[in-house]
Amino acid sequence: MANQALDGSSPRTFDVLLHGDPFCDLTFSFTDRDQLPPVGHEVFADGFSINPGGSFNISAALTRLGLRVGLKARLGTDMFSRYIGERMESCGLSPALTAWTGAPKPVVTVGISFPHDRLFISYGTPEAEPGASGGVTVEEIDRYQPRVLFTHGSEGVSLFREARSRGILVVLDTHWDVDYLRSEFLRTVLAEVDVAAPNLPEALEITGAADPETALDRLAAWCPFAVIKLGADGCIAESNGTRYRVPALDIKAVETTGAGDNFNAGLIYGMLQDYSVQTALRCANVTGGLSTLVPGGCEANVSADMVERMITVQSPELQEAEEV
């Protein structure tokens, strides 16, 4: 069924369709400190990595899980774009929707990763900023017939309505922008998608809640399937009036950059396998958790076989998904 068009007449081009210009992540990681030094001081990091980031993270993770991904993106003449293009090719990500422009289009992020969390400083030329390339269109969902449309909401509700009317699952993740998180626009979008999966700080900002449970109450009232990523505490979710709590893997994280993107990939994978909500959330925790064992949000190389083995392991962190 994965390759069958909605009308049964022709194969689908992609399983998942999304847009977003990839970043180039320069990540400095620390193992023994939890804050930056004062202004004017210098400190040496314990680790350093260069990786594609942003939309590349989830695209690469989905590709390694065996799904065909259509990433609508722009790259330019700068060295960061060339590097991202090489990495797209090496991981098997389709170049079909990549537009190469005749000018530099760098979007660069410096990540500071602490054991418990991370922060980012990003730069992009005005025309290279996220969303500048334009979103997915109705014509494209008809042409490529994806099973899933992944979005951060920028395309707007009319596209989501069209996608859902065609039986396409619409999955939303948010990003840290206070104006966006507090906007009436996002409230409208939440009502028009199938799944919303913010992390905890974003969920608290969206809902104005002071704790995860209250935030989930409010998100679930706006969206059919609400998920809140809790990092080392796993995730909580509500779907069709049933609440779920799934613990994280019992592992020691090396770096958390891109863990949310990898979580999203695992969740989409689980849903496309028609797994139960609990099992799909386990898939998400596996991919998100394993991604933290290596530096860089796209370096974990988690396969579908790995996920399938992990979700059948007889261990508390995977078998005791709690239905509340």
Protein backbone atom coordinates (compact mmCIF):
# COMPACT_ATOMS: atom_id res chain seq x y z
CA MET A 1 0.00 0.00 0.00
CA ALA A 2 2.92 2.41 0.57
CA ASN A 3 3.42 3.01 -3.15
CA GLN A 4 -0.22 3.05 -4.22
CA ALA A 5 -1.88 6.28 -5.31
CA LEU A 6 -5.14 7.37 -3.74
CA ASP A 7 -7.11 6.23 -6.77
CA GLY A 8 -5.04 3.04 -7.20
CA SER A 9 -3.92 4.10 -10.68
CA SER A 10 -0.30 5.17 -10.24
CA PRO A 11 2.51 4.94 -7.69
CA ARG A 12 3.15 7.69 -5.21
CA THR A 13 6.34 9.67 -5.68
CA PHE A 14 6.94 10.37 -1.97
CA ASP A 15 5.74 9.04 1.35
CA VAL A 16 6.43 12.36 3.11
CA LEU A 17 6.45 15.83 1.60
CA LEU A 18 7.84 18.93 3.35
CA HIS A 19 9.62 22.17 2.66
CA GLY A 20 12.36 24.19 4.32
CA ASP A 21 15.87 25.32 3.47
CA PRO A 22 18.40 23.15 5.36
CA PHE A 23 20.77 24.76 7.83
CA CYS A 24 24.45 24.06 8.34
CA ASP A 25 24.94 23.37 12.06
CA LEU A 26 28.22 24.16 13.79
CA THR A 27 27.77 22.52 17.19
CA PHE A 28 29.95 23.00 20.27
CA SER A 29 29.19 20.48 23.02
CA PHE A 30 29.98 20.46 26.73
CA THR A 31 29.87 17.54 29.15
CA ASP A 32 30.68 19.19 32.48
CA ARG A 33 29.14 22.66 32.38
CA ASP A 34 25.58 23.92 32.07
CA GLN A 35 26.01 27.55 31.04
CA LEU A 36 28.09 29.82 28.86
CA PRO A 37 31.01 31.83 30.28
CA PRO A 38 30.56 35.57 30.97
CA VAL A 39 30.97 38.03 28.10
CA GLY A 40 34.66 38.64 27.45
CA HIS A 41 35.74 35.18 28.64
CA GLU A 42 36.70 32.15 26.57
CA VAL A 43 36.07 28.46 27.11
CA PHE A 44 37.00 25.42 25.04
CA ALA A 45 34.24 22.95 24.17
CA ASP A 46 34.55 19.24 24.83
CA GLY A 47 33.32 18.38 21.35
CA PHE A 48 32.65 19.94 17.96
CA SER A 49 30.79 18.81 14.85
CA ILE A 50 29.62 20.18 11.50
CA ASN A 51 26.38 18.75 10.11
CA PRO A 52 23.43 19.73 7.98
CA GLY A 53 20.53 20.74 10.18
CA GLY A 54 17.05 22.21 10.13
CA SER A 55 14.82 20.45 7.60
CA PHE A 56 17.66 18.08 6.74
CA ASN A 57 17.42 16.36 10.14
CA ILE A 58 13.93 14.96 9.78
CA SER A 59 14.38 14.36 6.04
CA ALA A 60 17.51 12.26 6.58
CA ALA A 61 15.95 10.40 9.51
CA LEU A 62 12.84 9.50 7.51
CA THR A 63 14.97 8.40 4.55
CA ARG A 64 17.01 6.08 6.77
CA LEU A 65 13.76 4.60 8.07
CA GLY A 66 12.99 3.52 4.53
CA LEU A 67 10.53 6.28 3.61
CA ARG A 68 10.71 8.29 0.41
CA VAL A 69 11.01 11.97 1.25
CA GLY A 70 10.35 14.98 -0.94
CA LEU A 71 12.16 17.96 0.58
CA LYS A 72 11.32 21.20 -1.21
CA ALA A 73 14.37 23.34 -0.55
CA ARG A 74 16.74 25.90 -2.03
CA LEU A 75 20.51 25.79 -2.00
CA GLY A 76 22.97 28.34 -3.36
CA THR A 77 26.53 28.92 -4.45
CA ASP A 78 28.02 29.17 -0.95
CA MET A 79 30.21 26.45 0.57
CA PHE A 80 27.55 25.55 3.15
CA SER A 81 25.01 24.82 0.41
CA ARG A 82 27.50 22.67 -1.49
CA TYR A 83 28.23 20.70 1.67
CA ILE A 84 24.52 20.17 2.36
CA GLY A 85 23.98 19.02 -1.24
CA GLU A 86 26.76 16.45 -0.87
CA ARG A 87 25.27 15.16 2.37
CA MET A 88 21.80 14.92 0.80
CA GLU A 89 23.26 12.71 -1.92
CA SER A 90 25.24 10.55 0.51
CA CYS A 91 22.21 9.74 2.68
CA GLY A 92 19.97 8.95 -0.27
CA LEU A 93 17.69 11.98 0.05
CA SER A 94 16.02 12.76 -3.27
CA PRO A 95 17.29 15.92 -5.00
CA ALA A 96 14.13 16.17 -7.11
CA LEU A 97 12.70 19.18 -5.27
CA THR A 98 16.00 20.99 -4.61
CA ALA A 99 16.32 24.33 -6.42
CA TRP A 100 19.89 25.55 -6.91
CA THR A 101 20.02 29.33 -7.12
CA GLY A 102 22.76 31.46 -8.65
CA ALA A 103 23.59 33.30 -5.43
CA PRO A 104 24.79 32.46 -1.92
CA LYS A 105 21.93 31.23 0.30
CA PRO A 106 23.59 30.30 3.56
CA VAL A 107 21.55 29.51 6.64
CA VAL A 108 24.06 28.79 9.41
CA THR A 109 23.43 27.84 13.04
CA VAL A 110 25.91 27.74 15.89
CA GLY A 111 24.63 25.30 18.49
CA ILE A 112 25.78 25.21 22.11
CA SER A 113 24.92 21.80 23.55
CA PHE A 114 24.91 21.13 27.30
CA PRO A 115 24.08 17.73 28.82
CA HIS A 116 20.54 18.82 29.70
CA ASP A 117 19.65 21.18 26.82
CA ARG A 118 20.98 23.39 24.04
CA LEU A 119 20.75 26.86 22.53
CA PHE A 120 21.21 28.15 18.99
CA ILE A 121 22.39 31.29 17.24
CA SER A 122 21.41 31.40 13.57
CA TYR A 123 22.12 33.57 10.56
CA GLY A 124 20.53 33.67 7.15
CA THR A 125 20.51 36.26 4.38
CA PRO A 126 16.99 37.73 4.09
CA GLU A 127 16.15 35.64 1.03
CA ALA A 128 17.58 32.52 2.72
CA GLU A 129 15.56 32.73 5.91
CA PRO A 130 13.29 29.76 6.73
CA GLY A 131 10.10 29.77 4.69
CA ALA A 132 11.46 32.17 2.06
CA SER A 133 11.41 29.45 -0.60
CA GLY A 134 7.64 29.13 -0.34
CA GLY A 135 5.67 26.20 0.94
CA VAL A 136 4.19 23.09 -0.59
CA THR A 137 1.29 23.76 -2.95
CA VAL A 138 -1.95 21.93 -3.72
CA GLU A 139 -0.59 21.17 -7.19
CA GLU A 140 2.43 19.48 -5.60
CA ILE A 141 0.42 17.28 -3.27
CA ASP A 142 -1.64 16.18 -6.27
CA ARG A 143 1.48 15.56 -8.35
CA TYR A 144 3.46 13.67 -5.70
CA GLN A 145 0.56 12.16 -3.71
CA PRO A 146 2.36 11.87 -0.36
CA ARG A 147 0.98 9.92 2.54
CA VAL A 148 2.14 12.62 4.98
CA LEU A 149 2.55 16.38 4.74
CA PHE A 150 4.98 17.57 7.41
CA THR A 151 4.84 21.26 8.23
CA HIS A 152 5.67 24.04 10.64
CA GLY A 153 2.40 25.71 9.68
CA SER A 154 3.59 28.41 7.32
CA GLU A 155 1.62 27.18 4.30
CA GLY A 156 -1.70 28.02 5.96
CA VAL A 157 -4.97 26.26 6.63
CA SER A 158 -6.29 26.04 3.06
CA LEU A 159 -3.49 23.67 2.04
CA PHE A 160 -4.01 21.54 5.14
CA ARG A 161 -7.71 21.25 4.43
CA GLU A 162 -7.00 20.22 0.86
CA ALA A 163 -4.42 17.67 1.98
CA ARG A 164 -6.68 16.12 4.60
CA SER A 165 -9.57 15.96 2.13
CA ARG A 166 -7.30 13.76 -0.01
CA GLY A 167 -6.54 11.44 2.89
CA ILE A 168 -3.07 12.89 3.53
CA LEU A 169 -1.94 12.97 7.16
CA VAL A 170 -0.85 16.47 8.19
CA VAL A 171 1.79 16.55 10.94
CA LEU A 172 2.81 19.85 12.55
CA ASP A 173 5.87 20.65 14.62
CA THR A 174 6.49 24.11 15.98
CA HIS A 175 9.68 26.15 16.33
CA TRP A 176 10.85 28.70 18.84
CA ASP A 177 9.51 32.11 17.87
CA VAL A 178 7.47 33.73 20.62
CA ASP A 179 5.31 35.79 18.28
CA TYR A 180 4.52 32.71 16.20
CA LEU A 181 3.81 30.52 19.23
CA ARG A 182 1.44 33.08 20.73
CA SER A 183 -0.27 33.94 17.44
CA GLU A 184 -3.90 33.48 16.58
CA PHE A 185 -2.61 32.09 13.26
CA LEU A 186 -1.08 29.08 15.04
CA ARG A 187 -4.30 28.49 17.00
CA THR A 188 -6.13 28.31 13.68
CA VAL A 189 -3.54 25.96 12.20
CA LEU A 190 -3.77 23.56 15.16
CA ALA A 191 -7.43 22.94 14.37
CA GLU A 192 -6.61 22.02 10.76
CA VAL A 193 -3.85 19.41 11.25
CA ASP A 194 -3.98 15.79 12.35
CA VAL A 195 -0.98 15.80 14.69
CA ALA A 196 0.81 18.55 16.60
CA ALA A 197 4.08 17.73 18.38
CA PRO A 198 5.75 20.73 20.08
CA ASN A 199 8.45 20.37 22.70
CA LEU A 200 7.64 21.38 26.27
CA PRO A 201 8.86 25.02 26.20
CA GLU A 202 6.92 25.58 22.98
CA ALA A 203 3.80 23.88 24.36
CA LEU A 204 3.87 26.05 27.48
CA GLU A 205 4.28 29.17 25.36
CA ILE A 206 1.46 28.17 22.99
CA THR A 207 -1.02 27.39 25.75
CA GLY A 208 0.06 29.76 28.53
CA ALA A 209 0.08 26.76 30.86
CA ALA A 210 2.47 26.35 33.78
CA ASP A 211 2.92 22.57 33.57
CA PRO A 212 2.93 19.81 30.92
CA GLU A 213 -0.39 18.22 31.86
CA THR A 214 -2.31 21.49 31.63
CA ALA A 215 -0.57 22.30 28.36
CA LEU A 216 -1.65 18.94 26.96
CA ASP A 217 -5.24 19.54 28.13
CA ARG A 218 -5.34 22.74 26.11
CA LEU A 219 -3.53 21.40 23.04
CA ALA A 220 -5.82 18.36 22.92
CA ALA A 221 -8.83 20.67 22.84
CA TRP A 222 -7.42 22.30 19.70
CA CYS A 223 -5.87 19.35 17.83
CA PRO A 224 -7.04 15.72 17.31
CA PHE A 225 -3.68 14.16 18.28
CA ALA A 226 -1.51 16.30 20.55
CA VAL A 227 2.00 15.24 21.57
CA ILE A 228 4.41 17.06 23.88
CA LYS A 229 8.07 16.10 23.74
CA LEU A 230 9.58 16.07 27.24
CA GLY A 231 13.21 15.29 26.44
CA ALA A 232 14.71 12.98 29.06
CA ASP A 233 11.19 12.39 30.45
CA GLY A 234 9.89 10.93 27.19
CA CYS A 235 6.58 12.28 25.94
CA ILE A 236 2.92 12.68 26.77
CA ALA A 237 0.09 12.65 24.28
CA GLU A 238 -3.66 12.65 23.90
CA SER A 239 -5.65 11.14 21.05
CA ASN A 240 -9.41 10.58 20.87
CA GLY A 241 -9.81 11.38 24.54
CA THR A 242 -7.16 8.90 25.71
CA ARG A 243 -3.98 10.14 27.36
CA TYR A 244 -0.60 8.44 27.01
CA ARG A 245 2.72 8.77 28.81
CA VAL A 246 5.75 7.01 27.31
CA PRO A 247 9.09 7.12 29.16
CA ALA A 248 12.30 7.94 27.32
CA LEU A 249 15.00 5.37 26.67
CA ASP A 250 17.29 4.79 29.62
CA ILE A 251 20.42 6.16 27.97
CA LYS A 252 23.07 8.80 28.64
CA ALA A 253 22.76 11.52 26.01
CA VAL A 254 25.88 12.81 24.31
CA GLU A 255 24.16 15.68 22.52
CA THR A 256 20.48 16.60 22.09
CA THR A 257 20.61 18.68 18.89
CA GLY A 258 18.00 17.39 16.45
CA ALA A 259 16.40 14.98 18.93
CA GLY A 260 12.99 16.52 18.31
CA ASP A 261 13.37 16.15 14.53
CA ASN A 262 14.32 12.49 14.95
CA PHE A 263 11.37 12.00 17.34
CA ASN A 264 9.07 13.39 14.64
CA ALA A 265 10.53 10.97 12.09
CA GLY A 266 9.91 8.01 14.38
CA LEU A 267 6.37 9.13 15.09
CA ILE A 268 5.59 9.43 11.38
CA TYR A 269 7.18 6.05 10.74
CA GLY A 270 5.05 4.42 13.43
CA MET A 271 1.86 6.01 12.19
CA LEU A 272 2.56 4.93 8.61
CA GLN A 273 2.98 1.36 9.87
CA ASP A 274 -0.57 1.64 11.28
CA TYR A 275 0.78 0.98 14.76
CA SER A 276 -1.23 1.84 17.85
CA VAL A 277 -0.74 5.27 19.39
CA GLN A 278 1.41 3.76 22.15
CA THR A 279 3.65 1.92 19.71
CA ALA A 280 3.99 4.93 17.41
CA LEU A 281 5.09 6.98 20.43
CA ARG A 282 7.59 4.25 21.31
CA CYS A 283 9.00 4.48 17.78
CA ALA A 284 9.34 8.22 18.28
CA ASN A 285 11.14 7.82 21.60
CA VAL A 286 13.52 5.28 20.06
CA THR A 287 14.53 7.46 17.12
CA GLY A 288 14.71 10.61 19.24
CA GLY A 289 16.63 8.89 22.01
CA LEU A 290 19.15 7.09 19.81
CA SER A 291 19.89 10.35 17.97
CA THR A 292 21.35 11.80 21.19
CA LEU A 293 24.08 9.14 21.40
CA VAL A 294 26.20 10.84 18.72
CA PRO A 295 26.99 14.50 17.99
CA GLY A 296 24.84 16.10 15.31
CA GLY A 297 21.12 15.78 14.76
CA CYS A 298 21.45 13.71 11.58
CA GLU A 299 24.30 11.36 12.48
CA ALA A 300 22.56 8.55 14.39
CA ASN A 301 21.74 6.51 11.26
CA VAL A 302 18.74 4.81 12.89
CA SER A 303 17.18 2.22 10.58
CA ALA A 304 13.71 0.70 10.53
CA ASP A 305 15.22 -2.64 11.60
CA MET A 306 16.74 -0.95 14.66
CA VAL A 307 13.42 0.62 15.59
CA GLU A 308 11.54 -2.65 15.15
CA ARG A 309 14.01 -4.49 17.37
CA MET A 310 13.89 -1.78 20.04
CA ILE A 311 10.11 -1.60 20.30
CA THR A 312 9.92 -5.34 20.95
CA VAL A 313 12.58 -5.37 23.66
CA GLN A 314 11.12 -6.52 26.97
CA SER A 315 12.25 -3.52 28.97
CA PRO A 316 10.37 -1.07 31.18
CA GLU A 317 11.14 2.00 29.10
CA LEU A 318 9.53 0.43 26.03
CA GLN A 319 6.89 -1.89 27.43
CA GLU A 320 5.31 0.30 30.09
CA ALA A 321 3.75 3.00 27.97
CA GLU A 322 1.10 4.23 30.33
CA GLU A 323 -2.44 4.84 29.16
CA VAL A 324 -3.79 7.41 31.57
